[in-house]
C-alpha atoms as a PDB file:
ATOM      1  CA  MET A   1     -18.948   1.960  16.088  1.00  0.00           C
ATOM      2  CA  LYS A   2     -18.385   4.907  13.857  1.00  0.00           C
ATOM      3  CA  LYS A   3     -14.583   4.229  13.663  1.00  0.00           C
ATOM      4  CA  PHE A   4     -15.293   0.850  12.658  1.00  0.00           C
ATOM      5  CA  TRP A   5     -17.116   1.951   9.450  1.00  0.00           C
ATOM      6  CA  ILE A   6     -14.546   4.434   9.011  1.00  0.00           C
ATOM      7  CA  GLY A   7     -11.844   1.618   9.108  1.00  0.00           C
ATOM      8  CA  LEU A   8     -13.588  -0.469   6.997  1.00  0.00           C
ATOM      9  CA  ALA A   9     -14.421   2.450   4.301  1.00  0.00           C
ATOM     10  CA  LEU A  10     -10.530   2.670   4.270  1.00  0.00           C
ATOM     11  CA  VAL A  11      -9.523  -0.753   3.553  1.00  0.00           C
ATOM     12  CA  LEU A  12     -11.829  -1.218   1.488  1.00  0.00           C
ATOM     13  CA  THR A  13     -10.303   2.287  -0.616  1.00  0.00           C
ATOM     14  CA  LEU A  14      -7.033   1.077  -0.095  1.00  0.00           C
ATOM     15  CA  VAL A  15      -7.610  -2.819  -1.543  1.00  0.00           C
ATOM     16  CA  LEU A  16     -10.213  -1.861  -4.299  1.00  0.00           C
ATOM     17  CA  GLU A  17      -8.852   1.629  -5.835  1.00  0.00           C
ATOM     18  CA  PRO A  18      -5.330  -0.411  -7.579  1.00  0.00           C
ATOM     19  CA  LEU A  19      -8.065  -2.268  -8.883  1.00  0.00           C
ATOM     20  CA  ALA A  20      -9.969   0.688 -10.626  1.00  0.00           C
ATOM     21  CA  GLY A  21      -6.338   2.199 -11.416  1.00  0.00           C
ATOM     22  CA  THR A  22      -5.892  -1.280 -13.318  1.00  0.00           C
ATOM     23  CA  ILE A  23      -9.213  -1.354 -14.532  1.00  0.00           C
ATOM     24  CA  PHE A  24      -9.431   2.221 -15.901  1.00  0.00           C
ATOM     25  CA  GLY A  25      -5.880   2.676 -17.211  1.00  0.00           C
ATOM     26  CA  ARG A  26      -4.617   4.965 -14.027  1.00  0.00           C
ATOM     27  CA  SER A  27      -0.916   4.955 -12.573  1.00  0.00           C
ATOM     28  CA  GLY A  28       0.636   6.007  -9.517  1.00  0.00           C
ATOM     29  CA  ALA A  29      -0.954   3.169  -7.622  1.00  0.00           C
ATOM     30  CA  ALA A  30       0.804   1.038  -5.596  1.00  0.00           C
ATOM     31  CA  PRO A  31       1.033  -2.163  -8.129  1.00  0.00           C
ATOM     32  CA  ALA A  32      -0.924  -4.997  -6.758  1.00  0.00           C
ATOM     33  CA  SER A  33      -1.016  -8.412  -7.772  1.00  0.00           C
ATOM     34  CA  THR A  34      -4.201 -10.366  -8.072  1.00  0.00           C
ATOM     35  CA  ASP A  35      -2.917 -13.543  -6.058  1.00  0.00           C
ATOM     36  CA  GLU A  36      -2.136 -11.475  -3.010  1.00  0.00           C
ATOM     37  CA  ALA A  37      -4.148  -9.549  -0.439  1.00  0.00           C
ATOM     38  CA  PRO A  38      -1.749  -6.416   1.313  1.00  0.00           C
ATOM     39  CA  ILE A  39      -1.149  -6.096   4.452  1.00  0.00           C
ATOM     40  CA  VAL A  40      -2.331  -2.411   5.466  1.00  0.00           C
ATOM     41  CA  SER A  41      -1.371  -0.411   8.644  1.00  0.00           C
ATOM     42  CA  ALA A  42      -2.303   3.294   9.752  1.00  0.00           C
ATOM     43  CA  SER A  43      -0.786   5.354  12.036  1.00  0.00           C
ATOM     44  CA  GLY A  44      -2.217   8.874  12.730  1.00  0.00           C
ATOM     45  CA  SER A  45      -2.027   9.806   9.022  1.00  0.00           C
ATOM     46  CA  LYS A  46       0.584   7.596   7.919  1.00  0.00           C
ATOM     47  CA  LEU A  47       0.024   4.281   6.149  1.00  0.00           C
ATOM     48  CA  THR A  48       2.125   1.841   4.986  1.00  0.00           C
ATOM     49  CA  ILE A  49       1.090  -1.137   2.617  1.00  0.00           C
ATOM     50  CA  TYR A  50       2.663  -4.296   2.578  1.00  0.00           C
ATOM     51  CA  TYR A  51       2.460  -6.792  -0.595  1.00  0.00           C
ATOM     52  CA  PRO A  52       4.052 -10.261   0.417  1.00  0.00           C
ATOM     53  CA  THR A  53       4.365 -11.757  -2.794  1.00  0.00           C
ATOM     54  CA  GLN A  54       6.738  -8.447  -3.968  1.00  0.00           C
ATOM     55  CA  ARG A  55       8.530  -8.263  -0.627  1.00  0.00           C
ATOM     56  CA  LYS A  56       7.817  -4.295  -1.015  1.00  0.00           C
ATOM     57  CA  ILE A  57       6.605  -2.013   1.463  1.00  0.00           C
ATOM     58  CA  PHE A  58       4.581   1.036   0.182  1.00  0.00           C
ATOM     59  CA  VAL A  59       4.778   4.191   2.670  1.00  0.00           C
ATOM     60  CA  TYR A  60       2.164   7.044   2.550  1.00  0.00           C
ATOM     61  CA  SER A  61       2.720  10.325   4.205  1.00  0.00           C
ATOM     62  CA  GLU A  62      -0.731  10.887   4.343  1.00  0.00           C
ATOM     63  CA  LEU A  63      -4.085   9.368   3.314  1.00  0.00           C
ATOM     64  CA  GLY A  64      -5.268   9.799  -0.212  1.00  0.00           C
ATOM     65  CA  GLY A  65      -1.868  11.111  -0.844  1.00  0.00           C
ATOM     66  CA  ASN A  66       0.983   9.342  -3.067  1.00  0.00           C
ATOM     67  CA  CYS A  67       3.419   6.965  -2.408  1.00  0.00           C
ATOM     68  CA  VAL A  68       6.441   8.706  -0.904  1.00  0.00           C
ATOM     69  CA  PHE A  69       8.730   5.514  -0.660  1.00  0.00           C
ATOM     70  CA  ALA A  70       9.210   2.101  -0.979  1.00  0.00           C
ATOM     71  CA  TYR A  71      11.284  -0.360   1.122  1.00  0.00           C
ATOM     72  CA  THR A  72      12.140  -3.712  -0.793  1.00  0.00           C
ATOM     73  CA  LEU A  73      12.859  -6.862   1.573  1.00  0.00           C
ATOM     74  CA  SER A  74      15.555  -9.083   0.479  1.00  0.00           C
ATOM     75  CA  THR A  75      16.226 -12.604   2.289  1.00  0.00           C
ATOM     76  CA  PRO A  76      15.898 -13.034   5.993  1.00  0.00           C
ATOM     77  CA  GLY A  77      18.429 -10.822   7.906  1.00  0.00           C
ATOM     78  CA  GLY A  78      19.698  -9.268   4.582  1.00  0.00           C
ATOM     79  CA  PRO A  79      19.727  -5.628   3.476  1.00  0.00           C
ATOM     80  CA  VAL A  80      16.361  -3.527   3.175  1.00  0.00           C
ATOM     81  CA  ALA A  81      16.513  -1.369   0.019  1.00  0.00           C
ATOM     82  CA  ARG A  82      14.816   2.335  -0.079  1.00  0.00           C
ATOM     83  CA  GLU A  83      13.486   3.630  -3.103  1.00  0.00           C
ATOM     84  CA  ASN A  84      11.460   6.754  -3.995  1.00  0.00           C
ATOM     85  CA  CYS A  85       8.067   6.359  -5.582  1.00  0.00           C
ATOM     86  CA  LYS A  86       7.383   7.305  -8.814  1.00  0.00           C
END
């Protein structure tokens, strides 16, 4: 049960933090659109967040850290562009 609450807290933090950054004028978080829910995946200390309408996957090397790089997905079967996060 403890793992459930930790996971729930992590997901809520990841979903609400970009909104808080927008409200309080902070930058550095992965940009979020108000009409989409991100798809979050965590494995060990690595974290990925996918924003479907942007077709972007943001990759974090550690929980609570900054974005390391992002992948932009083109058309199905097309190239995947990698870029460093700012």
